[in-house]
N, C-alpha and C. Protein backbone atom coordinates (compact mmCIF):
# COMPACT_ATOMS: atom_id res chain seq x y z
N UNK A 1 -10.82 35.97 56.09
CA UNK A 1 -11.07 36.31 54.38
C UNK A 1 -10.57 35.62 53.82
N UNK A 2 -8.90 36.00 53.78
CA UNK A 2 -8.12 35.24 53.36
C UNK A 2 -7.88 34.69 52.17
N UNK A 3 -8.30 33.35 53.68
CA UNK A 3 -8.51 31.44 52.84
C UNK A 3 -10.02 31.51 51.87
N UNK A 4 -10.36 32.55 51.68
CA UNK A 4 -11.75 32.74 50.45
C UNK A 4 -11.35 32.84 48.97
N UNK A 5 -10.45 34.41 49.83
CA UNK A 5 -9.55 34.06 48.15
C UNK A 5 -8.69 33.25 47.67
N UNK A 6 -8.02 32.60 48.35
CA UNK A 6 -7.46 32.11 48.44
C UNK A 6 -8.02 30.09 47.75
N UNK A 7 -9.10 29.92 47.73
CA UNK A 7 -9.91 28.77 48.17
C UNK A 7 -10.61 29.56 46.23
N UNK A 8 -10.89 31.11 45.59
CA UNK A 8 -11.65 30.92 44.52
C UNK A 8 -10.50 31.18 43.73
N UNK A 9 -8.97 31.35 44.17
CA UNK A 9 -8.55 31.05 43.09
C UNK A 9 -8.31 29.80 42.96
N UNK A 10 -7.76 28.49 43.95
CA UNK A 10 -7.63 27.15 43.11
C UNK A 10 -8.69 26.66 43.02
N UNK A 11 -9.91 27.15 42.42
CA UNK A 11 -11.13 26.06 42.08
C UNK A 11 -10.55 27.20 40.32
N UNK A 12 -10.79 28.75 40.36
CA UNK A 12 -10.35 29.18 38.84
C UNK A 12 -9.61 27.68 38.43
N UNK A 13 -7.94 28.05 38.73
CA UNK A 13 -6.53 27.23 38.33
C UNK A 13 -7.38 25.64 37.90
N UNK A 14 -8.36 25.28 39.07
CA UNK A 14 -8.38 24.22 38.95
C UNK A 14 -9.44 23.67 37.11
N UNK A 15 -10.21 24.54 37.09
CA UNK A 15 -11.26 24.95 35.66
C UNK A 15 -9.61 25.47 34.90
N UNK A 16 -8.85 26.41 34.46
CA UNK A 16 -7.94 26.40 33.54
C UNK A 16 -7.16 24.97 33.47
N UNK A 17 -7.44 24.57 34.20
CA UNK A 17 -6.38 22.83 33.89
C UNK A 17 -7.38 21.99 33.67
N UNK A 18 -8.47 21.94 33.74
CA UNK A 18 -9.28 20.87 33.22
C UNK A 18 -9.64 21.54 31.69
N UNK A 19 -9.54 22.28 31.78
CA UNK A 19 -9.52 22.51 30.65
C UNK A 19 -8.83 22.24 29.35
N UNK A 20 -7.74 22.85 29.97
CA UNK A 20 -6.66 22.61 28.82
C UNK A 20 -6.59 20.98 28.83
N UNK A 21 -6.79 19.87 29.61
CA UNK A 21 -7.13 18.91 28.99
C UNK A 21 -7.78 18.01 28.55
N UNK A 22 -9.33 18.95 28.22
CA UNK A 22 -10.02 19.10 26.96
C UNK A 22 -9.89 19.42 25.88
N UNK A 23 -8.40 19.83 25.66
CA UNK A 23 -9.20 20.18 24.82
C UNK A 23 -8.15 19.79 23.17
N UNK A 24 -7.80 18.78 23.92
CA UNK A 24 -7.51 17.73 22.74
C UNK A 24 -5.59 18.25 22.66
N UNK A 25 -5.40 17.62 21.61
CA UNK A 25 -3.74 17.05 20.85
C UNK A 25 -3.11 19.19 20.78
N UNK A 26 -2.32 18.96 21.48
CA UNK A 26 -2.18 20.54 20.83
C UNK A 26 -0.58 20.85 19.39
N UNK A 27 -1.12 19.30 18.37
CA UNK A 27 -1.12 19.83 17.09
C UNK A 27 -0.96 18.95 16.26
N UNK A 28 -2.46 18.48 16.57
CA UNK A 28 -3.09 17.97 15.26
C UNK A 28 -2.90 17.60 14.46
N UNK A 29 -3.91 15.97 13.51
CA UNK A 29 -2.44 15.74 12.30
C UNK A 29 -4.23 16.93 11.93
N UNK A 30 -4.53 17.48 10.20
CA UNK A 30 -5.18 17.49 9.76
C UNK A 30 -6.10 16.49 8.29
N UNK A 31 -7.12 16.77 8.79
CA UNK A 31 -7.86 16.38 7.90
C UNK A 31 -7.78 16.15 6.98
N UNK A 32 -7.92 14.84 6.06
CA UNK A 32 -7.82 14.48 5.10
C UNK A 32 -7.81 14.99 4.24
N UNK A 33 -9.25 15.17 4.27
CA UNK A 33 -10.02 16.33 3.31
C UNK A 33 -9.65 17.15 2.30
N UNK A 34 -8.65 18.09 3.31
CA UNK A 34 -8.04 19.29 2.93
C UNK A 34 -7.63 19.08 1.88
N UNK A 35 -7.19 20.45 0.92
CA UNK A 35 -6.33 20.23 0.03
C UNK A 35 -5.00 20.07 0.94
N UNK A 36 -4.75 20.97 1.67
CA UNK A 36 -3.54 21.64 2.09
C UNK A 36 -2.49 20.16 2.82
N UNK A 37 -3.83 18.49 2.91
CA UNK A 37 -2.92 18.25 4.39
C UNK A 37 -1.63 17.59 3.37
N UNK A 38 -0.49 17.23 4.22
CA UNK A 38 0.16 16.14 4.42
C UNK A 38 0.54 14.95 4.05
N UNK A 39 1.19 14.14 3.96
CA UNK A 39 1.24 12.91 4.22
C UNK A 39 2.05 12.53 5.50
N UNK A 40 1.28 11.84 6.29
CA UNK A 40 2.46 11.71 7.92
C UNK A 40 3.93 11.87 7.87
N UNK A 41 3.97 10.46 6.57
CA UNK A 41 5.88 10.03 6.80
C UNK A 41 6.47 10.89 5.70
N UNK A 42 6.52 12.29 5.96
CA UNK A 42 6.97 13.34 5.03
C UNK A 42 8.23 13.79 6.46
């Protein structure tokens, strides 16, 4: 029965990694239309 718990944990870890990769950049640039957006050359 222990292998069933291991497989479930493995699936959870796989889904977590997949979600992490699909979130996009960790430090995205703000949209130009935002009044607080700074130029990238600063």
